[in-house]
Amino acid sequence: MQLTAVYLEVPEGYVAFVEELPGANTQGDTLEEARENLQEAVAMVLEANRELAEKSLAGRTVTKEPFVAAGL
């Protein structure tokens, strides 16, 4: 799976987000800083989503397995 990072130059530096992952957005003074911050933002969004899913599934019988989004 490949995602799309978008970097928008603004007077304060750069705003960055991932098109396919709502909530994964950040900013930075430089393009490099925005790239680094976006890596962290993506990790935080994925972790938060994982925690929310675990809470909603607590006490339920579920099957979990690795998932690879092929062909995207």
PDB file of N, CA and C in Angstrom:
ATOM      1  N   MET A   1       0.845  -1.176   0.000  1.00  0.00           N
ATOM      2  CA  MET A   1       0.000   0.000   0.000  1.00  0.00           C
ATOM      3  C   MET A   1       0.889   1.237   0.000  1.00  0.00           C
ATOM      4  N   GLN A   2       0.513   2.175  -0.798  1.00  0.00           N
ATOM      5  CA  GLN A   2       1.233   3.434  -0.861  1.00  0.00           C
ATOM      6  C   GLN A   2       0.245   4.558  -0.600  1.00  0.00           C
ATOM      7  N   LEU A   3       0.605   5.458   0.297  1.00  0.00           N
ATOM      8  CA  LEU A   3      -0.239   6.597   0.633  1.00  0.00           C
ATOM      9  C   LEU A   3       0.345   7.858   0.007  1.00  0.00           C
ATOM     10  N   THR A   4      -0.445   8.927  -0.012  1.00  0.00           N
ATOM     11  CA  THR A   4      -0.013  10.168  -0.637  1.00  0.00           C
ATOM     12  C   THR A   4       0.148  11.270   0.401  1.00  0.00           C
ATOM     13  N   ALA A   5       1.375  11.741   0.565  1.00  0.00           N
ATOM     14  CA  ALA A   5       1.654  12.878   1.446  1.00  0.00           C
ATOM     15  C   ALA A   5       1.534  14.161   0.633  1.00  0.00           C
ATOM     16  N   VAL A   6       0.869  15.147   1.202  1.00  0.00           N
ATOM     17  CA  VAL A   6       0.694  16.441   0.537  1.00  0.00           C
ATOM     18  C   VAL A   6       1.346  17.500   1.421  1.00  0.00           C
ATOM     19  N   TYR A   7       2.169  18.338   0.801  1.00  0.00           N
ATOM     20  CA  TYR A   7       2.859  19.420   1.511  1.00  0.00           C
ATOM     21  C   TYR A   7       2.459  20.734   0.869  1.00  0.00           C
ATOM     22  N   LEU A   8       1.874  21.596   1.652  1.00  0.00           N
ATOM     23  CA  LEU A   8       1.399  22.879   1.159  1.00  0.00           C
ATOM     24  C   LEU A   8       2.248  23.975   1.773  1.00  0.00           C
ATOM     25  N   GLU A   9       2.920  24.730   0.925  1.00  0.00           N
ATOM     26  CA  GLU A   9       3.747  25.829   1.424  1.00  0.00           C
ATOM     27  C   GLU A   9       2.848  26.991   1.840  1.00  0.00           C
ATOM     28  N   VAL A  10       3.058  27.483   3.049  1.00  0.00           N
ATOM     29  CA  VAL A  10       2.306  28.609   3.603  1.00  0.00           C
ATOM     30  C   VAL A  10       3.318  29.612   4.154  1.00  0.00           C
ATOM     31  N   PRO A  11       2.897  30.828   4.457  1.00  0.00           N
ATOM     32  CA  PRO A  11       3.854  31.825   4.957  1.00  0.00           C
ATOM     33  C   PRO A  11       4.643  31.362   6.194  1.00  0.00           C
ATOM     34  N   GLU A  12       4.032  30.524   7.022  1.00  0.00           N
ATOM     35  CA  GLU A  12       4.695  30.067   8.256  1.00  0.00           C
ATOM     36  C   GLU A  12       5.598  28.863   8.034  1.00  0.00           C
ATOM     37  N   GLY A  13       5.590  28.282   6.839  1.00  0.00           N
ATOM     38  CA  GLY A  13       6.394  27.092   6.547  1.00  0.00           C
ATOM     39  C   GLY A  13       5.615  26.130   5.660  1.00  0.00           C
ATOM     40  N   TYR A  14       5.281  24.943   6.209  1.00  0.00           N
ATOM     41  CA  TYR A  14       4.561  23.929   5.438  1.00  0.00           C
ATOM     42  C   TYR A  14       3.475  23.287   6.287  1.00  0.00           C
ATOM     43  N   VAL A  15       2.363  23.008   5.647  1.00  0.00           N
ATOM     44  CA  VAL A  15       1.294  22.206   6.221  1.00  0.00           C
ATOM     45  C   VAL A  15       1.358  20.873   5.484  1.00  0.00           C
ATOM     46  N   ALA A  16       1.203  19.768   6.232  1.00  0.00           N
ATOM     47  CA  ALA A  16       1.317  18.451   5.610  1.00  0.00           C
ATOM     48  C   ALA A  16       0.172  17.555   6.060  1.00  0.00           C
ATOM     49  N   PHE A  17      -0.278  16.702   5.143  1.00  0.00           N
ATOM     50  CA  PHE A  17      -1.305  15.717   5.495  1.00  0.00           C
ATOM     51  C   PHE A  17      -1.214  14.528   4.552  1.00  0.00           C
ATOM     52  N   VAL A  18      -1.860  13.444   4.953  1.00  0.00           N
ATOM     53  CA  VAL A  18      -1.937  12.252   4.110  1.00  0.00           C
ATOM     54  C   VAL A  18      -3.358  12.185   3.574  1.00  0.00           C
ATOM     55  N   GLU A  19      -3.489  12.175   2.246  1.00  0.00           N
ATOM     56  CA  GLU A  19      -4.812  12.212   1.606  1.00  0.00           C
ATOM     57  C   GLU A  19      -5.717  11.084   2.080  1.00  0.00           C
ATOM     58  N   GLU A  20      -5.163   9.892   2.210  1.00  0.00           N
ATOM     59  CA  GLU A  20      -5.970   8.711   2.480  1.00  0.00           C
ATOM     60  C   GLU A  20      -6.181   8.417   3.973  1.00  0.00           C
ATOM     61  N   LEU A  21      -5.630   9.236   4.837  1.00  0.00           N
ATOM     62  CA  LEU A  21      -5.703   8.952   6.270  1.00  0.00           C
ATOM     63  C   LEU A  21      -6.182  10.191   7.027  1.00  0.00           C
ATOM     64  N   PRO A  22      -7.497  10.352   7.174  1.00  0.00           N
ATOM     65  CA  PRO A  22      -8.021  11.511   7.892  1.00  0.00           C
ATOM     66  C   PRO A  22      -7.406  11.629   9.285  1.00  0.00           C
ATOM     67  N   GLY A  23      -7.063  12.835   9.649  1.00  0.00           N
ATOM     68  CA  GLY A  23      -6.476  13.081  10.957  1.00  0.00           C
ATOM     69  C   GLY A  23      -4.964  13.101  10.960  1.00  0.00           C
ATOM     70  N   ALA A  24      -4.357  12.593   9.906  1.00  0.00           N
ATOM     71  CA  ALA A  24      -2.890  12.599   9.817  1.00  0.00           C
ATOM     72  C   ALA A  24      -2.472  13.906   9.153  1.00  0.00           C
ATOM     73  N   ASN A  25      -2.307  14.927   9.976  1.00  0.00           N
ATOM     74  CA  ASN A  25      -1.896  16.229   9.459  1.00  0.00           C
ATOM     75  C   ASN A  25      -0.993  16.910  10.480  1.00  0.00           C
ATOM     76  N   THR A  26      -0.163  17.808   9.967  1.00  0.00           N
ATOM     77  CA  THR A  26       0.810  18.480  10.821  1.00  0.00           C
ATOM     78  C   THR A  26       1.331  19.712  10.105  1.00  0.00           C
ATOM     79  N   GLN A  27       2.381  20.278  10.643  1.00  0.00           N
ATOM     80  CA  GLN A  27       3.038  21.423  10.010  1.00  0.00           C
ATOM     81  C   GLN A  27       4.508  21.422  10.394  1.00  0.00           C
ATOM     82  N   GLY A  28       5.276  22.263   9.734  1.00  0.00           N
ATOM     83  CA  GLY A  28       6.685  22.408  10.060  1.00  0.00           C
ATOM     84  C   GLY A  28       7.229  23.699   9.480  1.00  0.00           C
ATOM     85  N   ASP A  29       8.301  24.178  10.070  1.00  0.00           N
ATOM     86  CA  ASP A  29       8.936  25.398   9.570  1.00  0.00           C
ATOM     87  C   ASP A  29       9.590  25.162   8.207  1.00  0.00           C
ATOM     88  N   THR A  30      10.079  23.929   7.992  1.00  0.00           N
ATOM     89  CA  THR A  30      10.731  23.565   6.729  1.00  0.00           C
ATOM     90  C   THR A  30      10.037  22.328   6.159  1.00  0.00           C
ATOM     91  N   LEU A  31      10.293  22.039   4.909  1.00  0.00           N
ATOM     92  CA  LEU A  31       9.722  20.853   4.284  1.00  0.00           C
ATOM     93  C   LEU A  31      10.206  19.596   5.004  1.00  0.00           C
ATOM     94  N   GLU A  32      11.475  19.555   5.349  1.00  0.00           N
ATOM     95  CA  GLU A  32      12.021  18.394   6.054  1.00  0.00           C
ATOM     96  C   GLU A  32      11.354  18.215   7.418  1.00  0.00           C
ATOM     97  N   GLU A  33      11.156  19.293   8.142  1.00  0.00           N
ATOM     98  CA  GLU A  33      10.491  19.202   9.441  1.00  0.00           C
ATOM     99  C   GLU A  33       9.054  18.715   9.276  1.00  0.00           C
ATOM    100  N   ALA A  34       8.363  19.206   8.247  1.00  0.00           N
ATOM    101  CA  ALA A  34       6.995  18.763   7.983  1.00  0.00           C
ATOM    102  C   ALA A  34       6.975  17.271   7.660  1.00  0.00           C
ATOM    103  N   ARG A  35       7.949  16.793   6.900  1.00  0.00           N
ATOM    104  CA  ARG A  35       8.035  15.354   6.583  1.00  0.00           C
ATOM    105  C   ARG A  35       8.219  14.528   7.853  1.00  0.00           C
ATOM    106  N   GLU A  36       9.129  14.959   8.704  1.00  0.00           N
ATOM    107  CA  GLU A  36       9.376  14.242   9.957  1.00  0.00           C
ATOM    108  C   GLU A  36       8.135  14.256  10.839  1.00  0.00           C
ATOM    109  N   ASN A  37       7.504  15.412  10.944  1.00  0.00           N
ATOM    110  CA  ASN A  37       6.306  15.531  11.769  1.00  0.00           C
ATOM    111  C   ASN A  37       5.163  14.673  11.228  1.00  0.00           C
ATOM    112  N   LEU A  38       5.092  14.542   9.901  1.00  0.00           N
ATOM    113  CA  LEU A  38       4.025  13.746   9.309  1.00  0.00           C
ATOM    114  C   LEU A  38       4.213  12.269   9.627  1.00  0.00           C
ATOM    115  N   GLN A  39       5.442  11.800   9.661  1.00  0.00           N
ATOM    116  CA  GLN A  39       5.701  10.407  10.062  1.00  0.00           C
ATOM    117  C   GLN A  39       5.136  10.161  11.456  1.00  0.00           C
ATOM    118  N   GLU A  40       5.404  11.085  12.357  1.00  0.00           N
ATOM    119  CA  GLU A  40       4.920  10.969  13.732  1.00  0.00           C
ATOM    120  C   GLU A  40       3.393  11.053  13.782  1.00  0.00           C
ATOM    121  N   ALA A  41       2.811  11.952  13.006  1.00  0.00           N
ATOM    122  CA  ALA A  41       1.353  12.105  12.994  1.00  0.00           C
ATOM    123  C   ALA A  41       0.673  10.827  12.505  1.00  0.00           C
ATOM    124  N   VAL A  42       1.218  10.208  11.480  1.00  0.00           N
ATOM    125  CA  VAL A  42       0.647   8.961  10.958  1.00  0.00           C
ATOM    126  C   VAL A  42       0.714   7.877  12.028  1.00  0.00           C
ATOM    127  N   ALA A  43       1.858   7.744  12.684  1.00  0.00           N
ATOM    128  CA  ALA A  43       2.004   6.740  13.742  1.00  0.00           C
ATOM    129  C   ALA A  43       0.989   6.989  14.858  1.00  0.00           C
ATOM    130  N   MET A  44       0.781   8.240  15.220  1.00  0.00           N
ATOM    131  CA  MET A  44      -0.163   8.569  16.293  1.00  0.00           C
ATOM    132  C   MET A  44      -1.603   8.248  15.894  1.00  0.00           C
ATOM    133  N   VAL A  45      -1.981   8.541  14.659  1.00  0.00           N
ATOM    134  CA  VAL A  45      -3.340   8.259  14.189  1.00  0.00           C
ATOM    135  C   VAL A  45      -3.580   6.752  14.168  1.00  0.00           C
ATOM    136  N   LEU A  46      -2.616   5.997  13.665  1.00  0.00           N
ATOM    137  CA  LEU A  46      -2.777   4.545  13.618  1.00  0.00           C
ATOM    138  C   LEU A  46      -2.887   3.955  15.021  1.00  0.00           C
ATOM    139  N   GLU A  47      -2.079   4.435  15.942  1.00  0.00           N
ATOM    140  CA  GLU A  47      -2.127   3.947  17.318  1.00  0.00           C
ATOM    141  C   GLU A  47      -3.465   4.308  17.971  1.00  0.00           C
ATOM    142  N   ALA A  48      -3.926   5.528  17.773  1.00  0.00           N
ATOM    143  CA  ALA A  48      -5.209   5.949  18.342  1.00  0.00           C
ATOM    144  C   ALA A  48      -6.351   5.108  17.776  1.00  0.00           C
ATOM    145  N   ASN A  49      -6.334   4.852  16.469  1.00  0.00           N
ATOM    146  CA  ASN A  49      -7.375   4.029  15.858  1.00  0.00           C
ATOM    147  C   ASN A  49      -7.333   2.606  16.401  1.00  0.00           C
ATOM    148  N   ARG A  50      -6.128   2.075  16.601  1.00  0.00           N
ATOM    149  CA  ARG A  50      -5.979   0.730  17.156  1.00  0.00           C
ATOM    150  C   ARG A  50      -6.574   0.677  18.563  1.00  0.00           C
ATOM    151  N   GLU A  51      -6.281   1.672  19.390  1.00  0.00           N
ATOM    152  CA  GLU A  51      -6.809   1.712  20.752  1.00  0.00           C
ATOM    153  C   GLU A  51      -8.334   1.812  20.756  1.00  0.00           C
ATOM    154  N   LEU A  52      -8.892   2.641  19.886  1.00  0.00           N
ATOM    155  CA  LEU A  52     -10.348   2.765  19.799  1.00  0.00           C
ATOM    156  C   LEU A  52     -10.992   1.439  19.388  1.00  0.00           C
ATOM    157  N   ALA A  53     -10.383   0.764  18.424  1.00  0.00           N
ATOM    158  CA  ALA A  53     -10.909  -0.524  17.982  1.00  0.00           C
ATOM    159  C   ALA A  53     -10.850  -1.550  19.106  1.00  0.00           C
ATOM    160  N   GLU A  54      -9.732  -1.591  19.821  1.00  0.00           N
ATOM    161  CA  GLU A  54      -9.594  -2.543  20.923  1.00  0.00           C
ATOM    162  C   GLU A  54     -10.644  -2.296  21.995  1.00  0.00           C
ATOM    163  N   LYS A  55     -10.907  -1.039  22.317  1.00  0.00           N
ATOM    164  CA  LYS A  55     -11.928  -0.718  23.319  1.00  0.00           C
ATOM    165  C   LYS A  55     -13.312  -1.151  22.844  1.00  0.00           C
ATOM    166  N   SER A  56     -13.622  -0.910  21.584  1.00  0.00           N
ATOM    167  CA  SER A  56     -14.947  -1.255  21.069  1.00  0.00           C
ATOM    168  C   SER A  56     -15.133  -2.763  20.949  1.00  0.00           C
ATOM    169  N   LEU A  57     -14.035  -3.518  20.886  1.00  0.00           N
ATOM    170  CA  LEU A  57     -14.120  -4.977  20.752  1.00  0.00           C
ATOM    171  C   LEU A  57     -13.938  -5.711  22.073  1.00  0.00           C
ATOM    172  N   ALA A  58     -13.680  -4.980  23.138  1.00  0.00           N
ATOM    173  CA  ALA A  58     -13.423  -5.597  24.441  1.00  0.00           C
ATOM    174  C   ALA A  58     -14.567  -6.525  24.834  1.00  0.00           C
ATOM    175  N   GLY A  59     -14.209  -7.738  25.243  1.00  0.00           N
ATOM    176  CA  GLY A  59     -15.193  -8.707  25.685  1.00  0.00           C
ATOM    177  C   GLY A  59     -15.898  -9.458  24.577  1.00  0.00           C
ATOM    178  N   ARG A  60     -15.553  -9.168  23.328  1.00  0.00           N
ATOM    179  CA  ARG A  60     -16.196  -9.837  22.195  1.00  0.00           C
ATOM    180  C   ARG A  60     -15.248 -10.858  21.609  1.00  0.00           C
ATOM    181  N   THR A  61     -15.799 -11.880  21.001  1.00  0.00           N
ATOM    182  CA  THR A  61     -14.997 -12.882  20.312  1.00  0.00           C
ATOM    183  C   THR A  61     -14.706 -12.361  18.913  1.00  0.00           C
ATOM    184  N   VAL A  62     -13.431 -12.213  18.603  1.00  0.00           N
ATOM    185  CA  VAL A  62     -13.029 -11.677  17.300  1.00  0.00           C
ATOM    186  C   VAL A  62     -11.907 -12.523  16.719  1.00  0.00           C
ATOM    187  N   THR A  63     -11.708 -12.408  15.448  1.00  0.00           N
ATOM    188  CA  THR A  63     -10.577 -13.006  14.763  1.00  0.00           C
ATOM    189  C   THR A  63      -9.733 -11.875  14.223  1.00  0.00           C
ATOM    190  N   LYS A  64      -8.437 -11.917  14.520  1.00  0.00           N
ATOM    191  CA  LYS A  64      -7.519 -10.908  14.000  1.00  0.00           C
ATOM    192  C   LYS A  64      -6.459 -11.599  13.159  1.00  0.00           C
ATOM    193  N   GLU A  65      -6.077 -10.952  12.081  1.00  0.00           N
ATOM    194  CA  GLU A  65      -5.019 -11.472  11.224  1.00  0.00           C
ATOM    195  C   GLU A  65      -4.340 -10.334  10.500  1.00  0.00           C
ATOM    196  N   PRO A  66      -3.105 -10.534  10.045  1.00  0.00           N
ATOM    197  CA  PRO A  66      -2.417  -9.488   9.272  1.00  0.00           C
ATOM    198  C   PRO A  66      -3.193  -9.194   7.988  1.00  0.00           C
ATOM    199  N   PHE A  67      -3.123  -7.959   7.563  1.00  0.00           N
ATOM    200  CA  PHE A  67      -3.825  -7.529   6.360  1.00  0.00           C
ATOM    201  C   PHE A  67      -2.874  -6.699   5.510  1.00  0.00           C
ATOM    202  N   VAL A  68      -2.742  -7.069   4.247  1.00  0.00           N
ATOM    203  CA  VAL A  68      -1.934  -6.316   3.303  1.00  0.00           C
ATOM    204  C   VAL A  68      -2.875  -5.828   2.209  1.00  0.00           C
ATOM    205  N   ALA A  69      -2.907  -4.530   1.999  1.00  0.00           N
ATOM    206  CA  ALA A  69      -3.763  -3.945   0.978  1.00  0.00           C
ATOM    207  C   ALA A  69      -3.038  -4.023  -0.356  1.00  0.00           C
ATOM    208  N   ALA A  70      -3.207  -5.118  -1.029  1.00  0.00           N
ATOM    209  CA  ALA A  70      -2.540  -5.342  -2.318  1.00  0.00           C
ATOM    210  C   ALA A  70      -3.302  -4.648  -3.432  1.00  0.00           C
ATOM    211  N   GLY A  71      -2.569  -4.209  -4.417  1.00  0.00           N
ATOM    212  CA  GLY A  71      -3.189  -3.644  -5.599  1.00  0.00           C
ATOM    213  C   GLY A  71      -3.685  -2.217  -5.447  1.00  0.00           C
ATOM    214  N   LEU A  72      -3.334  -1.565  -4.340  1.00  0.00           N
ATOM    215  CA  LEU A  72      -3.779  -0.174  -4.169  1.00  0.00           C
ATOM    216  C   LEU A  72      -2.697   0.777  -4.593  1.00  0.00           C
TER     217      LEU A  72
END
